[in-house]
Amino acid sequence: MEKLLSIVVPCYNSQDYIDRCVESLLPENDRVEILLIDDGSTDRTAEIIDKYERTYPKQVKAVHQENGGHGQAVNTGMYLAKGKYVKVVDSDDWLDLNSYQKVLNFLESLEESNEEIDMLICNYIYDKVELGHKKVIKYRWLPKNKSFTWNKVYLLYGEYFLMHAVIYRTSLVTKEAKLKLPKHKFYVDNLYVFEPLPYVKKMYYLDVDLYHYFIGREDQSVNEKVMLKRIDQQLYVNKRMIKFYAENIDVNSDVGKYMKRYLEIITTISSILLIRGNTKEYLDLKDDLWNYLKEYDDVYRILRRRLLGIGVNLPGKFGRKLATDVYKVAQRLYGFN
């Protein structure tokens, strides 16, 4: 029987939490394929995922590769995927069992009615387990119980289609978008949910709290101190997004309007991190980012004149402090980092 859903799990030194992740992905459904991609781990990760493949041979495939980073592990998984739809789940995250079953039931119903969609959107949860804090990100203004196109997409600040929220039609990312994420880079999940979007025509929002996005490890890539240490990689991704948008997207199209807002928030995050770094080196990197934007004049003018663009470019120490204070409020409100 054809696989309905492929779940790609990039794994690197995940021995302490991979069990929680994989156990959440094992429904009694042979149409689910779980691809565990060991990205050159040096701990017991390889041994653990091999055990899962032996125990669930119809569902689980363990793949071992030389270390290529998160993006290369995602590349490997999505191009091996045999399911009609594909989802990426990081090895320290997990899925809610009841919501997961609703997603599978929905995908089965599409098959039964001979329909398909390009992207399924579900809610995700910022889950700070040790602090007992959860923040559910919902999409309150999206149409419910019907498919829709970009002209019906309206999202508030803080509501974006992160990797945690989306399930793509597999052939859209591999054959139409021909997505290839860069090796040895962090933050490539932003490329994963950005570059395929022009190929997405038909969407559906299933209002279930599916994805638990774990926040709290000190070595986690979204930890603010870690992000500053890897700011070169954040800026690499940010600039690739700018270039892709400027060279491929009609800013006045419906999908272009959404992508503009996503590009805006990523550029704002990069800028705020550099402001909070509070050294001449970091502030020079922020200026460099906005100078890079100037190479694409139309996009620069759009982002620079918007509220967030004005905010991160306020002059002087007072302007930087104000931008930082606003960021802290948003951090508390949404529970990220």
Protein backbone atom coordinates (compact mmCIF):
# COMPACT_ATOMS: atom_id res chain seq x y z
CA MET A 1 0.00 0.00 0.00
CA GLU A 2 1.27 3.47 -0.89
CA LYS A 3 2.55 5.51 2.03
CA LEU A 4 0.37 8.47 2.89
CA LEU A 5 2.67 10.47 5.17
CA SER A 6 6.46 10.50 5.55
CA ILE A 7 7.87 11.97 8.75
CA VAL A 8 11.51 13.03 8.55
CA VAL A 9 13.38 13.18 11.87
CA PRO A 10 16.89 14.69 11.66
CA CYS A 11 18.93 13.24 14.55
CA TYR A 12 22.27 14.39 15.89
CA ASN A 13 23.43 13.23 19.34
CA SER A 14 19.79 12.80 20.30
CA GLN A 15 20.10 9.85 22.68
CA ASP A 16 18.53 11.70 25.61
CA TYR A 17 15.26 12.59 23.90
CA ILE A 18 14.86 10.63 20.65
CA ASP A 19 12.65 8.01 22.34
CA ARG A 20 10.04 10.61 23.31
CA CYS A 21 9.97 11.89 19.74
CA VAL A 22 9.74 8.52 17.96
CA GLU A 23 7.19 7.07 20.39
CA SER A 24 4.88 9.99 19.55
CA LEU A 25 5.11 9.13 15.83
CA LEU A 26 4.09 5.48 15.99
CA PRO A 27 0.33 5.21 15.42
CA GLU A 28 -1.18 1.91 14.33
CA ASN A 29 -1.08 2.93 10.70
CA ASP A 30 1.12 1.24 8.10
CA ARG A 31 0.64 4.19 5.76
CA VAL A 32 2.97 6.31 7.90
CA GLU A 33 6.68 6.18 7.11
CA ILE A 34 9.15 7.42 9.73
CA LEU A 35 12.61 8.30 8.38
CA LEU A 36 15.16 8.63 11.18
CA ILE A 37 18.21 10.39 9.72
CA ASP A 38 21.32 9.97 11.87
CA ASP A 39 23.54 12.89 10.91
CA GLY A 40 26.88 11.47 12.02
CA SER A 41 26.03 11.22 15.73
CA THR A 42 28.81 10.32 18.17
CA ASP A 43 26.57 9.08 21.01
CA ARG A 44 24.06 6.20 21.09
CA THR A 45 21.64 7.75 18.59
CA ALA A 46 22.54 5.33 15.78
CA GLU A 47 22.01 2.33 18.03
CA ILE A 48 18.63 3.62 19.22
CA ILE A 49 17.21 4.32 15.77
CA ASP A 50 18.42 0.96 14.49
CA LYS A 51 16.44 -0.64 17.30
CA TYR A 52 13.30 1.17 16.13
CA GLU A 53 13.83 -0.02 12.56
CA ARG A 54 14.15 -3.65 13.77
CA THR A 55 11.03 -3.32 15.96
CA TYR A 56 8.85 -1.52 13.38
CA PRO A 57 10.24 -2.59 9.99
CA LYS A 58 7.08 -1.62 8.09
CA GLN A 59 7.10 1.93 9.39
CA VAL A 60 10.59 2.96 10.44
CA LYS A 61 13.69 3.39 8.31
CA ALA A 62 17.00 4.29 9.93
CA VAL A 63 19.41 6.18 7.68
CA HIS A 64 23.04 6.93 8.60
CA GLN A 65 25.10 9.65 6.93
CA GLU A 66 28.23 11.67 7.51
CA ASN A 67 27.57 14.85 9.41
CA GLY A 68 26.11 17.45 7.06
CA GLY A 69 24.01 19.50 9.45
CA HIS A 70 20.27 19.82 9.94
CA GLY A 71 19.61 20.92 6.38
CA GLN A 72 21.42 17.98 4.83
CA ALA A 73 19.51 15.58 7.10
CA VAL A 74 16.23 17.14 5.95
CA ASN A 75 17.38 16.90 2.32
CA THR A 76 18.14 13.21 2.74
CA GLY A 77 14.79 12.51 4.35
CA MET A 78 12.53 14.42 2.00
CA TYR A 79 14.19 12.97 -1.12
CA LEU A 80 13.88 9.43 0.29
CA ALA A 81 10.26 10.01 1.31
CA LYS A 82 7.71 7.70 -0.30
CA GLY A 83 4.66 9.28 1.32
CA LYS A 84 2.35 11.57 -0.60
CA TYR A 85 2.84 14.17 2.14
CA VAL A 86 5.91 14.95 4.22
CA LYS A 87 6.51 16.51 7.62
CA VAL A 88 9.75 17.32 9.44
CA VAL A 89 9.86 16.71 13.19
CA ASP A 90 13.03 17.62 15.08
CA SER A 91 14.34 14.91 17.37
CA ASP A 92 13.80 16.91 20.59
CA ASP A 93 10.18 17.69 19.67
CA TRP A 94 7.11 15.48 19.56
CA LEU A 95 3.53 15.26 18.27
CA ASP A 96 0.30 15.19 20.25
CA LEU A 97 -1.22 11.74 19.79
CA ASN A 98 -4.88 12.77 19.45
CA SER A 99 -4.10 15.62 17.05
CA TYR A 100 -1.79 13.37 15.06
CA GLN A 101 -4.59 10.86 14.58
CA LYS A 102 -6.91 13.65 13.39
CA VAL A 103 -4.30 14.68 10.84
CA LEU A 104 -4.02 11.11 9.55
CA ASN A 105 -7.81 10.79 9.38
CA PHE A 106 -7.96 14.03 7.39
CA LEU A 107 -5.29 12.90 4.94
CA GLU A 108 -7.10 9.57 4.53
CA SER A 109 -10.32 11.46 3.78
CA LEU A 110 -8.55 13.41 1.03
CA GLU A 111 -7.46 10.14 -0.53
CA GLU A 112 -10.95 8.68 -0.33
CA SER A 113 -12.43 11.71 -2.10
CA ASN A 114 -9.60 11.74 -4.66
CA GLU A 115 -8.46 15.21 -3.59
CA GLU A 116 -5.07 16.64 -2.72
CA ILE A 117 -3.72 19.81 -1.20
CA ASP A 118 -0.30 21.44 -1.38
CA MET A 119 0.10 22.39 2.27
CA LEU A 120 -1.67 21.40 5.48
CA ILE A 121 -1.37 23.83 8.38
CA CYS A 122 -1.80 22.87 12.05
CA ASN A 123 -1.17 24.65 15.35
CA TYR A 124 2.07 24.26 17.23
CA ILE A 125 3.04 24.75 20.85
CA TYR A 126 6.03 26.53 22.35
CA ASP A 127 6.64 24.01 25.13
CA LYS A 128 8.96 25.00 27.98
CA VAL A 129 8.62 21.71 29.84
CA GLU A 130 10.87 22.53 32.79
CA LEU A 131 9.06 25.81 33.45
CA GLY A 132 5.61 24.34 32.87
CA HIS A 133 4.93 27.04 30.28
CA LYS A 134 3.04 26.44 27.05
CA LYS A 135 2.01 28.87 24.34
CA VAL A 136 -0.19 27.59 21.52
CA ILE A 137 0.17 29.33 18.18
CA LYS A 138 -3.14 29.20 16.35
CA TYR A 139 -4.18 30.77 13.04
CA ARG A 140 -7.41 32.42 14.08
CA TRP A 141 -8.10 34.23 10.83
CA LEU A 142 -7.59 31.36 8.41
CA PRO A 143 -10.65 29.70 6.84
CA LYS A 144 -11.73 26.52 8.57
CA ASN A 145 -13.20 23.30 7.20
CA LYS A 146 -12.40 24.11 3.59
CA SER A 147 -9.41 24.49 1.30
CA PHE A 148 -8.29 27.99 0.37
CA THR A 149 -5.70 29.96 -1.59
CA TRP A 150 -3.36 32.83 -0.73
CA ASN A 151 -5.99 35.51 -1.19
CA LYS A 152 -7.69 34.17 1.96
CA VAL A 153 -4.54 34.21 4.11
CA TYR A 154 -4.56 36.86 6.80
CA LEU A 155 -2.29 36.42 9.82
CA LEU A 156 -1.57 38.57 12.85
CA TYR A 157 1.95 39.36 14.06
CA GLY A 158 3.34 36.25 15.72
CA GLU A 159 1.36 33.95 13.43
CA TYR A 160 3.66 32.57 10.75
CA PHE A 161 3.90 29.24 8.97
CA LEU A 162 6.93 27.83 10.75
CA MET A 163 8.30 24.39 9.91
CA HIS A 164 6.44 23.05 12.94
CA ALA A 165 3.10 24.08 11.46
CA VAL A 166 3.25 22.70 7.93
CA ILE A 167 2.87 19.42 6.11
CA TYR A 168 3.77 19.67 2.42
CA ARG A 169 2.78 17.55 -0.53
CA THR A 170 6.07 15.73 -1.04
CA SER A 171 6.35 16.24 -4.79
CA LEU A 172 5.87 19.98 -4.31
CA VAL A 173 9.09 20.36 -2.32
CA THR A 174 11.14 17.77 -4.21
CA LYS A 175 10.00 18.02 -7.83
CA GLU A 176 8.38 21.44 -8.20
CA ALA A 177 10.35 23.62 -5.79
CA LYS A 178 13.40 21.32 -6.06
CA LEU A 179 14.33 22.49 -2.59
CA LYS A 180 17.92 21.90 -1.49
CA LEU A 181 18.88 23.14 1.95
CA PRO A 182 22.53 24.13 2.57
CA LYS A 183 24.91 21.81 4.42
CA HIS A 184 26.41 22.66 7.80
CA LYS A 185 24.03 25.53 8.48
CA PHE A 186 21.58 26.13 11.31
CA TYR A 187 18.24 27.99 10.92
CA VAL A 188 17.52 26.39 7.56
CA ASP A 189 13.97 25.60 8.73
CA ASN A 190 13.21 29.15 7.61
CA LEU A 191 14.23 28.24 4.06
CA TYR A 192 12.14 25.06 4.28
CA VAL A 193 8.96 27.07 4.92
CA PHE A 194 9.85 29.95 2.58
CA GLU A 195 11.21 28.81 -0.77
CA PRO A 196 8.44 26.27 -1.60
CA LEU A 197 5.63 28.78 -0.93
CA PRO A 198 5.31 30.12 -4.53
CA TYR A 199 4.38 26.57 -5.59
CA VAL A 200 1.65 26.26 -2.95
CA LYS A 201 -1.75 26.90 -4.49
CA LYS A 202 -4.18 24.96 -2.31
CA MET A 203 -4.04 24.97 1.49
CA TYR A 204 -6.10 23.62 4.37
CA TYR A 205 -6.04 24.63 8.03
CA LEU A 206 -6.75 21.88 10.54
CA ASP A 207 -7.29 23.56 13.91
CA VAL A 208 -5.51 21.00 16.10
CA ASP A 209 -2.55 21.46 18.46
CA LEU A 210 -0.22 19.03 16.74
CA TYR A 211 3.44 19.92 17.25
CA HIS A 212 5.22 20.35 20.59
CA TYR A 213 8.20 22.61 19.97
CA PHE A 214 10.52 22.05 22.92
CA ILE A 215 12.24 25.16 24.25
CA GLY A 216 14.73 25.20 27.07
CA ARG A 217 18.00 23.37 26.39
CA GLU A 218 21.02 25.61 26.89
CA ASP A 219 22.67 24.23 23.74
CA GLN A 220 19.52 24.63 21.64
CA SER A 221 20.00 26.47 18.36
CA VAL A 222 17.25 29.00 19.20
CA ASN A 223 18.82 29.89 22.55
CA GLU A 224 19.68 33.58 22.21
CA LYS A 225 23.32 33.19 23.30
CA VAL A 226 23.77 30.30 20.87
CA MET A 227 22.17 32.32 18.08
CA LEU A 228 24.66 35.13 18.63
CA LYS A 229 27.55 32.69 18.43
CA ARG A 230 26.10 31.39 15.15
CA ILE A 231 24.96 34.76 13.84
CA ASP A 232 26.90 34.19 10.62
CA GLN A 233 24.57 31.29 9.84
CA GLN A 234 21.44 33.25 10.71
CA LEU A 235 22.64 36.02 8.39
CA TYR A 236 23.45 33.52 5.62
CA VAL A 237 19.88 32.22 5.74
CA ASN A 238 18.43 35.72 6.00
CA LYS A 239 20.36 36.92 2.95
CA ARG A 240 19.40 33.85 0.93
CA MET A 241 15.75 34.60 1.73
CA ILE A 242 16.18 38.23 0.65
CA LYS A 243 17.78 37.18 -2.63
CA PHE A 244 15.16 34.51 -3.32
CA TYR A 245 12.30 36.92 -2.64
CA ALA A 246 13.76 39.76 -4.68
CA GLU A 247 14.56 37.58 -7.69
CA ASN A 248 11.53 35.28 -7.77
CA ILE A 249 8.50 36.84 -6.12
CA ASP A 250 5.99 39.43 -7.28
CA VAL A 251 5.67 41.66 -4.21
CA ASN A 252 2.09 42.54 -5.14
CA SER A 253 0.91 38.93 -5.48
CA ASP A 254 -1.06 37.32 -2.66
CA VAL A 255 1.75 34.89 -1.84
CA GLY A 256 4.25 37.75 -2.15
CA LYS A 257 2.40 39.72 0.51
CA TYR A 258 2.65 36.85 2.98
CA MET A 259 6.29 36.12 2.12
CA LYS A 260 7.10 39.80 2.61
CA ARG A 261 5.84 39.62 6.19
CA TYR A 262 7.81 36.45 6.89
CA LEU A 263 10.97 37.99 5.43
CA GLU A 264 10.29 41.06 7.56
CA ILE A 265 10.15 39.07 10.82
CA ILE A 266 13.31 37.07 10.03
CA THR A 267 15.19 40.28 9.18
CA THR A 268 13.87 41.85 12.39
CA ILE A 269 15.07 38.88 14.46
CA SER A 270 18.53 39.10 12.90
CA SER A 271 18.64 42.84 13.57
CA ILE A 272 17.46 42.58 17.18
CA LEU A 273 19.98 39.85 17.97
CA LEU A 274 22.77 42.05 16.64
CA ILE A 275 21.49 45.05 18.58
CA ARG A 276 21.39 42.95 21.76
CA GLY A 277 24.95 41.80 21.04
CA ASN A 278 25.79 45.44 21.73
CA THR A 279 29.31 45.55 20.34
CA LYS A 280 30.65 47.48 17.39
CA GLU A 281 31.22 44.20 15.54
CA TYR A 282 27.58 43.16 15.90
CA LEU A 283 26.22 46.60 15.06
CA ASP A 284 28.41 46.67 11.94
CA LEU A 285 26.92 43.31 10.93
CA LYS A 286 23.44 44.78 11.30
CA ASP A 287 24.39 47.67 9.03
CA ASP A 288 25.84 45.16 6.57
CA LEU A 289 22.56 43.24 6.51
CA TRP A 290 20.56 46.35 5.68
CA ASN A 291 23.15 47.42 3.12
CA TYR A 292 22.73 44.00 1.49
CA LEU A 293 19.01 44.69 1.36
CA LYS A 294 19.75 47.95 -0.45
CA GLU A 295 21.09 45.90 -3.36
CA TYR A 296 17.44 44.96 -3.93
CA ASP A 297 16.01 48.44 -3.81
CA ASP A 298 12.30 47.57 -4.08
CA VAL A 299 12.47 45.06 -1.23
CA TYR A 300 14.61 47.39 0.87
CA ARG A 301 12.15 50.25 0.54
CA ILE A 302 9.24 47.98 1.49
CA LEU A 303 10.89 46.56 4.61
CA ARG A 304 12.60 49.77 5.71
CA ARG A 305 9.34 51.73 5.72
CA ARG A 306 7.37 49.16 7.68
CA LEU A 307 6.99 49.43 11.46
CA LEU A 308 9.54 46.73 12.31
CA GLY A 309 12.05 48.12 9.82
CA ILE A 310 11.74 51.55 11.40
CA GLY A 311 11.99 50.06 14.90
CA VAL A 312 15.26 48.17 14.44
CA ASN A 313 16.86 51.16 12.73
CA LEU A 314 16.08 53.79 15.35
CA PRO A 315 19.27 55.84 15.89
CA GLY A 316 21.50 55.88 18.93
CA LYS A 317 21.54 54.02 22.24
CA PHE A 318 17.99 55.12 23.07
CA GLY A 319 16.68 53.73 19.78
CA ARG A 320 18.46 50.42 20.34
CA LYS A 321 17.13 50.19 23.90
CA LEU A 322 13.58 50.86 22.73
CA ALA A 323 13.83 48.16 20.08
CA THR A 324 15.20 45.72 22.66
CA ASP A 325 12.41 46.50 25.14
CA VAL A 326 9.76 45.82 22.50
CA TYR A 327 11.49 42.53 21.67
CA LYS A 328 11.42 41.47 25.34
CA VAL A 329 7.68 42.13 25.49
CA ALA A 330 7.13 39.96 22.39
CA GLN A 331 9.38 37.28 23.91
CA ARG A 332 7.22 37.11 27.03
CA LEU A 333 4.01 37.25 25.03
CA TYR A 334 4.81 34.39 22.65
CA GLY A 335 7.20 32.33 24.77
CA PHE A 336 9.89 31.80 22.11
CA ASN A 337 13.62 31.32 22.97
